[in-house]
Amino acid sequence: MSQIQTLSGPIDTSNLGRVLMHEHIFNVSVDVQGSWPGFHGWDPEVQIPKAQEMLKEVKEAGYDTIVELSVLGLGRDVNLMQRAIEGTGLQVTVATGVYTYDVLPRMWHFMGPGTMLNGDEPLDALFQRDIEEGIQGTDIKAAMLKCAVDHEGLTDHVQRVLRACCRVHHKTDTPMTVHTHAPSERGLDVLKVLEEEGVDPRRVVLAHCGDSADLDYLQKLIDSGATLGMDRFGLDVLLPFEDRVNTVVALCERGHAASMVLSHDTMVFTDWFPPELHDQLTPNWHYLHIEQDVLPALRDRGVTDEQIEQMLVHTPRDFFERT
């Protein structure tokens, strides 16, 4: 048994309970909202009560912990998150890192190895401060490192973030989640960098593997020891519901329930799309979709309650207890 940091302070990993391993609360473009407040309807005083209601329903459905993976590039604000979970009973972990598919924010084009100002990678110290001291001037500490490798692949700046996460992982023993683009098999690129940086894949969740139904590709990732994020249930526009369910079923039949975690990658509010478009394209993309639709479908196809408990309880806990 060990401890993990949450918005409300450290808890024992034995108390994690049922876990949704990849979610968000608010996904807000900070620069856009600063210049054009209310873009796409963003109003925290409206959305916070809505979040409290939605997250309370998650707790009432039998889920105890949400791993919130918003970082720079996704509008992370731990103060808003803390208000959003008031009265819900949920435990919420937060992350540090940078979310980019291609380049870093402009300031870091001039700072760091190989840039005009050269010097050490400034990201390392920022990530480490979030983990050891606290985020945004609070005593809320990050429990996860987060970065992304999407279809653009290992660009110079994407590698800077990924390798910074690897170095800080070694310094702090903090586990990692890496957003991957499954159709282009970017999980394999991530594994190459992990090997180069000496990071044990068992300490890493490869997110969005559920966007692929290619069992050969997924088996390669499982063989590395990494945990597969089957974590976009409800995003049927990227892969249909039946394909997502059947893929989890097939991997359970192969005995790999201990290598998967389940989640949605959804949020209460995003300003990336007009609200009406979000509701039209992704009607099932909400926090209760797994409980209401996915688990019954898995059971109908022969996945046992023990395997479901493994993916929702034991695999998350085992992941956070590894050192």
Protein backbone atom coordinates (compact mmCIF):
# COMPACT_ATOMS: atom_id res chain seq x y z
CA MET A 1 0.00 0.00 0.00
CA SER A 2 1.21 3.52 -0.80
CA GLN A 3 -0.18 7.03 -1.04
CA ILE A 4 -1.38 9.11 -3.98
CA GLN A 5 -2.00 12.84 -4.17
CA THR A 6 -5.53 14.18 -4.82
CA LEU A 7 -7.24 17.57 -4.90
CA SER A 8 -8.11 16.98 -1.24
CA GLY A 9 -4.68 15.77 -0.16
CA PRO A 10 -2.94 12.39 -0.06
CA ILE A 11 -4.91 9.16 0.27
CA ASP A 12 -3.90 5.52 0.56
CA THR A 13 -4.05 3.69 -2.74
CA SER A 14 -6.15 1.04 -1.00
CA ASN A 15 -8.91 3.67 -0.88
CA LEU A 16 -8.97 4.46 -4.59
CA GLY A 17 -11.98 2.20 -5.14
CA ARG A 18 -13.45 2.19 -8.65
CA VAL A 19 -11.39 4.44 -10.89
CA LEU A 20 -12.01 6.21 -14.19
CA MET A 21 -8.40 6.54 -15.32
CA HIS A 22 -8.66 9.26 -17.97
CA GLU A 23 -11.13 12.12 -17.59
CA HIS A 24 -11.29 15.92 -17.54
CA ILE A 25 -13.57 18.38 -15.77
CA PHE A 26 -13.13 21.60 -17.75
CA ASN A 27 -11.29 21.85 -21.08
CA VAL A 28 -10.81 25.57 -21.65
CA SER A 29 -8.56 27.53 -24.01
CA VAL A 30 -7.13 30.00 -21.52
CA ASP A 31 -5.68 32.50 -24.03
CA VAL A 32 -8.89 32.56 -26.05
CA GLN A 33 -11.08 33.04 -22.99
CA GLY A 34 -8.76 35.78 -21.77
CA SER A 35 -9.17 37.67 -25.03
CA TRP A 36 -12.83 36.82 -25.74
CA PRO A 37 -14.50 35.88 -22.43
CA GLY A 38 -17.41 33.53 -22.76
CA PHE A 39 -16.33 32.04 -26.08
CA HIS A 40 -18.59 29.05 -26.84
CA GLY A 41 -20.52 29.74 -23.67
CA TRP A 42 -17.79 29.32 -21.06
CA ASP A 43 -18.93 30.70 -17.70
CA PRO A 44 -17.42 29.06 -14.63
CA GLU A 45 -20.25 30.23 -12.41
CA VAL A 46 -22.66 28.29 -14.62
CA GLN A 47 -20.46 25.28 -15.24
CA ILE A 48 -19.26 24.66 -11.67
CA PRO A 49 -22.75 23.81 -10.31
CA LYS A 50 -23.30 21.66 -13.39
CA ALA A 51 -20.01 19.88 -12.71
CA GLN A 52 -20.96 19.29 -9.07
CA GLU A 53 -24.21 17.68 -10.16
CA MET A 54 -22.60 15.49 -12.84
CA LEU A 55 -19.71 14.37 -10.66
CA LYS A 56 -22.02 13.58 -7.77
CA GLU A 57 -23.87 11.24 -10.15
CA VAL A 58 -20.56 9.50 -10.91
CA LYS A 59 -20.03 8.86 -7.20
CA GLU A 60 -23.61 7.66 -6.78
CA ALA A 61 -23.06 5.23 -9.69
CA GLY A 62 -20.31 3.53 -7.68
CA TYR A 63 -17.13 5.25 -8.83
CA ASP A 64 -14.76 6.67 -6.25
CA THR A 65 -11.86 8.28 -8.09
CA ILE A 66 -11.31 10.22 -11.29
CA VAL A 67 -7.83 10.67 -12.74
CA GLU A 68 -8.06 14.20 -14.17
CA LEU A 69 -5.46 14.63 -16.90
CA SER A 70 -5.72 18.28 -17.89
CA VAL A 71 -2.32 19.99 -18.19
CA LEU A 72 -0.93 23.04 -20.00
CA GLY A 73 -2.73 23.12 -23.35
CA LEU A 74 -5.98 21.82 -21.87
CA GLY A 75 -6.72 24.67 -19.46
CA ARG A 76 -5.75 23.06 -16.15
CA ASP A 77 -6.99 25.10 -13.18
CA VAL A 78 -6.90 23.28 -9.86
CA ASN A 79 -8.88 26.03 -8.16
CA LEU A 80 -11.84 25.50 -10.49
CA MET A 81 -11.46 21.73 -10.17
CA GLN A 82 -11.55 21.98 -6.39
CA ARG A 83 -14.78 24.00 -6.52
CA ALA A 84 -16.24 21.53 -9.03
CA ILE A 85 -15.87 18.53 -6.71
CA GLU A 86 -17.28 20.18 -3.58
CA GLY A 87 -19.99 18.00 -2.10
CA THR A 88 -19.52 15.20 -4.64
CA GLY A 89 -17.58 12.72 -2.49
CA LEU A 90 -15.25 12.02 -5.41
CA GLN A 91 -11.49 11.71 -5.13
CA VAL A 92 -9.72 13.46 -8.03
CA THR A 93 -6.04 13.24 -8.91
CA VAL A 94 -4.40 15.88 -11.12
CA ALA A 95 -1.47 15.92 -13.53
CA THR A 96 1.45 17.97 -14.73
CA GLY A 97 2.92 18.19 -18.21
CA VAL A 98 2.22 19.77 -21.58
CA TYR A 99 -0.39 18.74 -24.13
CA THR A 100 0.82 19.44 -27.67
CA TYR A 101 0.81 17.47 -30.91
CA ASP A 102 3.54 19.51 -32.61
CA VAL A 103 5.15 22.61 -31.01
CA LEU A 104 5.54 24.14 -27.57
CA PRO A 105 4.26 27.61 -26.63
CA ARG A 106 6.42 30.33 -28.18
CA MET A 107 8.55 31.15 -25.12
CA TRP A 108 10.08 27.70 -25.15
CA HIS A 109 11.21 28.12 -28.73
CA PHE A 110 13.97 30.30 -27.26
CA MET A 111 14.80 28.40 -24.06
CA GLY A 112 16.24 24.94 -23.67
CA PRO A 113 18.82 22.74 -25.36
CA GLY A 114 19.55 23.74 -28.96
CA THR A 115 17.56 27.00 -28.80
CA MET A 116 18.81 30.60 -29.01
CA LEU A 117 19.28 30.85 -25.23
CA ASN A 118 20.28 27.18 -24.87
CA GLY A 119 20.61 25.91 -21.31
CA ASP A 120 18.83 23.13 -19.43
CA GLU A 121 15.31 22.05 -20.34
CA PRO A 122 13.06 24.44 -18.35
CA LEU A 123 10.13 21.99 -18.42
CA ASP A 124 11.85 19.64 -15.99
CA ALA A 125 11.85 22.11 -13.12
CA LEU A 126 8.24 23.14 -13.75
CA PHE A 127 6.94 19.56 -13.78
CA GLN A 128 8.97 18.69 -10.70
CA ARG A 129 7.66 21.73 -8.82
CA ASP A 130 4.06 20.67 -9.50
CA ILE A 131 4.82 17.24 -8.06
CA GLU A 132 6.90 18.19 -5.04
CA GLU A 133 5.70 21.67 -4.03
CA GLY A 134 2.22 22.20 -5.48
CA ILE A 135 0.33 23.58 -8.46
CA GLN A 136 -0.62 27.22 -9.09
CA GLY A 137 0.54 28.38 -5.67
CA THR A 138 -1.53 25.75 -3.84
CA ASP A 139 -0.48 22.68 -1.89
CA ILE A 140 -2.26 20.45 -4.45
CA LYS A 141 0.35 18.13 -5.93
CA ALA A 142 0.37 16.28 -9.22
CA ALA A 143 0.03 12.50 -9.14
CA MET A 144 0.69 11.91 -12.84
CA LEU A 145 2.91 13.16 -15.65
CA LYS A 146 1.05 13.75 -18.94
CA CYS A 147 2.15 14.37 -22.52
CA ALA A 148 1.02 13.50 -26.04
CA VAL A 149 2.26 11.85 -29.21
CA ASP A 150 -0.40 12.22 -31.89
CA HIS A 151 -0.44 11.59 -35.65
CA GLU A 152 2.33 14.19 -36.24
CA GLY A 153 4.62 11.83 -34.36
CA LEU A 154 7.82 12.61 -32.50
CA THR A 155 8.38 16.21 -33.54
CA ASP A 156 11.32 17.96 -31.87
CA HIS A 157 9.06 19.71 -29.37
CA VAL A 158 6.91 16.64 -28.67
CA GLN A 159 10.11 14.76 -27.87
CA ARG A 160 11.22 17.55 -25.55
CA VAL A 161 8.04 17.14 -23.51
CA LEU A 162 8.10 13.34 -23.52
CA ARG A 163 11.75 13.17 -22.53
CA ALA A 164 11.25 15.80 -19.83
CA CYS A 165 8.45 13.63 -18.42
CA CYS A 166 10.81 10.66 -18.46
CA ARG A 167 13.53 12.55 -16.58
CA VAL A 168 11.11 13.87 -13.96
CA HIS A 169 9.64 10.38 -13.63
CA HIS A 170 13.09 9.14 -12.63
CA LYS A 171 13.57 12.01 -10.16
CA THR A 172 10.16 11.77 -8.48
CA ASP A 173 8.94 8.20 -9.19
CA THR A 174 5.73 9.72 -10.64
CA PRO A 175 3.92 7.54 -13.20
CA MET A 176 3.07 8.74 -16.70
CA THR A 177 0.12 8.87 -19.06
CA VAL A 178 0.90 9.44 -22.73
CA HIS A 179 -1.86 10.40 -25.16
CA THR A 180 -1.30 8.33 -28.31
CA HIS A 181 -2.80 8.26 -31.79
CA ALA A 182 -3.77 4.61 -32.13
CA PRO A 183 -4.58 4.54 -35.88
CA SER A 184 -0.98 5.53 -36.68
CA GLU A 185 0.40 3.23 -33.95
CA ARG A 186 2.13 6.03 -32.05
CA GLY A 187 2.25 3.82 -28.98
CA LEU A 188 5.21 2.05 -30.56
CA ASP A 189 7.03 5.38 -30.93
CA VAL A 190 6.42 6.08 -27.26
CA LEU A 191 7.85 2.71 -26.28
CA LYS A 192 11.05 3.45 -28.23
CA VAL A 193 11.58 6.69 -26.31
CA LEU A 194 10.80 4.99 -23.00
CA GLU A 195 13.47 2.42 -23.76
CA GLU A 196 15.99 5.13 -24.66
CA GLU A 197 15.22 7.00 -21.44
CA GLY A 198 15.24 3.88 -19.26
CA VAL A 199 11.59 4.13 -18.21
CA ASP A 200 9.81 0.90 -17.31
CA PRO A 201 6.66 0.71 -19.50
CA ARG A 202 4.81 -0.77 -16.52
CA ARG A 203 4.83 2.77 -15.07
CA VAL A 204 3.07 4.19 -18.15
CA VAL A 205 -0.52 4.27 -19.39
CA LEU A 206 -0.69 4.45 -23.17
CA ALA A 207 -3.88 6.44 -23.57
CA HIS A 208 -6.51 6.06 -26.29
CA CYS A 209 -5.55 2.53 -27.31
CA GLY A 210 -9.30 1.93 -27.44
CA ASP A 211 -9.40 3.98 -30.64
CA SER A 212 -7.93 0.93 -32.41
CA ALA A 213 -9.42 -2.50 -33.08
CA ASP A 214 -6.06 -3.84 -34.36
CA LEU A 215 -5.37 -6.67 -31.94
CA ASP A 216 -1.85 -7.27 -33.29
CA TYR A 217 -0.88 -3.66 -32.53
CA LEU A 218 -2.49 -3.76 -29.09
CA GLN A 219 -0.81 -7.06 -28.27
CA LYS A 220 2.61 -5.52 -28.96
CA LEU A 221 1.85 -2.77 -26.47
CA ILE A 222 0.63 -5.25 -23.86
CA ASP A 223 3.78 -7.34 -24.34
CA SER A 224 5.86 -4.31 -23.34
CA GLY A 225 4.21 -4.23 -19.92
CA ALA A 226 2.46 -0.89 -20.48
CA THR A 227 -1.13 -0.37 -19.40
CA LEU A 228 -3.61 0.21 -22.23
CA GLY A 229 -6.09 3.04 -21.89
CA MET A 230 -9.40 1.85 -23.32
CA ASP A 231 -10.48 5.29 -22.37
CA ARG A 232 -12.57 6.98 -25.04
CA PHE A 233 -15.87 5.20 -24.64
CA GLY A 234 -18.53 7.50 -26.03
CA LEU A 235 -16.34 8.96 -28.77
CA ASP A 236 -18.10 6.81 -31.34
CA VAL A 237 -17.18 9.26 -34.11
CA LEU A 238 -13.60 7.96 -33.83
CA LEU A 239 -14.44 4.26 -33.46
CA PRO A 240 -17.94 2.76 -33.18
CA PHE A 241 -19.24 1.50 -29.85
CA GLU A 242 -19.39 -2.14 -31.03
CA ASP A 243 -15.76 -2.09 -32.14
CA ARG A 244 -14.61 -0.62 -28.84
CA VAL A 245 -16.55 -3.20 -26.84
CA ASN A 246 -15.49 -6.12 -29.02
CA THR A 247 -11.83 -5.14 -28.71
CA VAL A 248 -11.98 -5.17 -24.90
CA VAL A 249 -13.82 -8.50 -25.05
CA ALA A 250 -11.16 -10.01 -27.31
CA LEU A 251 -8.32 -8.86 -25.05
CA CYS A 252 -10.15 -10.19 -21.98
CA GLU A 253 -10.49 -13.53 -23.75
CA ARG A 254 -6.71 -13.49 -24.19
CA GLY A 255 -6.33 -12.95 -20.44
CA HIS A 256 -5.33 -9.27 -20.54
CA ALA A 257 -7.85 -7.65 -18.21
CA ALA A 258 -4.95 -6.72 -15.92
CA SER A 259 -3.40 -4.70 -18.76
CA MET A 260 -6.39 -2.44 -19.42
CA VAL A 261 -8.17 0.46 -17.75
CA LEU A 262 -11.53 1.90 -18.77
CA SER A 263 -12.59 5.54 -19.08
CA HIS A 264 -14.22 8.16 -21.33
CA ASP A 265 -11.81 11.11 -21.80
CA THR A 266 -14.87 13.33 -21.45
CA MET A 267 -15.53 16.55 -19.55
CA VAL A 268 -18.27 18.77 -18.17
CA PHE A 269 -17.43 21.59 -20.59
CA THR A 270 -15.11 22.18 -23.56
CA ASP A 271 -14.75 25.30 -25.64
CA TRP A 272 -13.19 23.37 -28.53
CA PHE A 273 -16.60 22.91 -30.17
CA PRO A 274 -19.94 24.70 -30.07
CA PRO A 275 -22.06 23.03 -27.35
CA GLU A 276 -24.78 22.02 -29.81
CA LEU A 277 -22.21 20.29 -32.06
CA HIS A 278 -20.79 18.41 -29.08
CA ASP A 279 -24.24 17.10 -28.15
CA GLN A 280 -25.09 16.20 -31.75
CA LEU A 281 -21.91 14.29 -32.60
CA THR A 282 -21.21 12.59 -29.27
CA PRO A 283 -24.47 11.94 -27.39
CA ASN A 284 -22.93 9.02 -25.45
CA TRP A 285 -19.76 10.87 -24.44
CA HIS A 286 -20.46 11.38 -20.75
CA TYR A 287 -19.24 10.10 -17.38
CA LEU A 288 -21.95 7.44 -16.98
CA HIS A 289 -21.63 5.78 -20.39
CA ILE A 290 -19.40 2.98 -19.11
CA GLU A 291 -21.71 2.19 -16.20
CA GLN A 292 -24.94 2.44 -18.18
CA ASP A 293 -23.95 1.01 -21.57
CA VAL A 294 -20.43 -0.42 -21.75
CA LEU A 295 -20.45 -2.76 -18.75
CA PRO A 296 -23.78 -4.39 -19.72
CA ALA A 297 -22.43 -4.91 -23.25
CA LEU A 298 -19.22 -6.45 -21.91
CA ARG A 299 -21.16 -8.80 -19.65
CA ASP A 300 -23.42 -9.83 -22.53
CA ARG A 301 -20.30 -10.85 -24.46
CA GLY A 302 -18.90 -12.97 -21.65
CA VAL A 303 -16.63 -10.60 -19.73
CA THR A 304 -16.88 -11.59 -16.08
CA ASP A 305 -17.53 -9.36 -13.09
CA GLU A 306 -14.04 -10.29 -11.88
CA GLN A 307 -12.50 -8.98 -15.12
CA ILE A 308 -14.54 -5.78 -14.89
CA GLU A 309 -13.41 -5.32 -11.28
CA GLN A 310 -9.86 -5.89 -12.44
CA MET A 311 -10.01 -3.12 -15.05
CA LEU A 312 -11.82 -0.62 -12.81
CA VAL A 313 -10.29 -1.34 -9.39
CA HIS A 314 -7.24 -3.58 -9.31
CA THR A 315 -5.37 -2.47 -12.43
CA PRO A 316 -5.54 1.25 -11.46
CA ARG A 317 -4.50 0.49 -7.88
CA ASP A 318 -1.67 -1.82 -8.96
CA PHE A 319 -0.48 0.81 -11.44
CA PHE A 320 -0.21 3.52 -8.78
CA GLU A 321 1.41 1.16 -6.26
CA ARG A 322 4.31 0.23 -8.57
CA THR A 323 7.66 1.84 -7.80
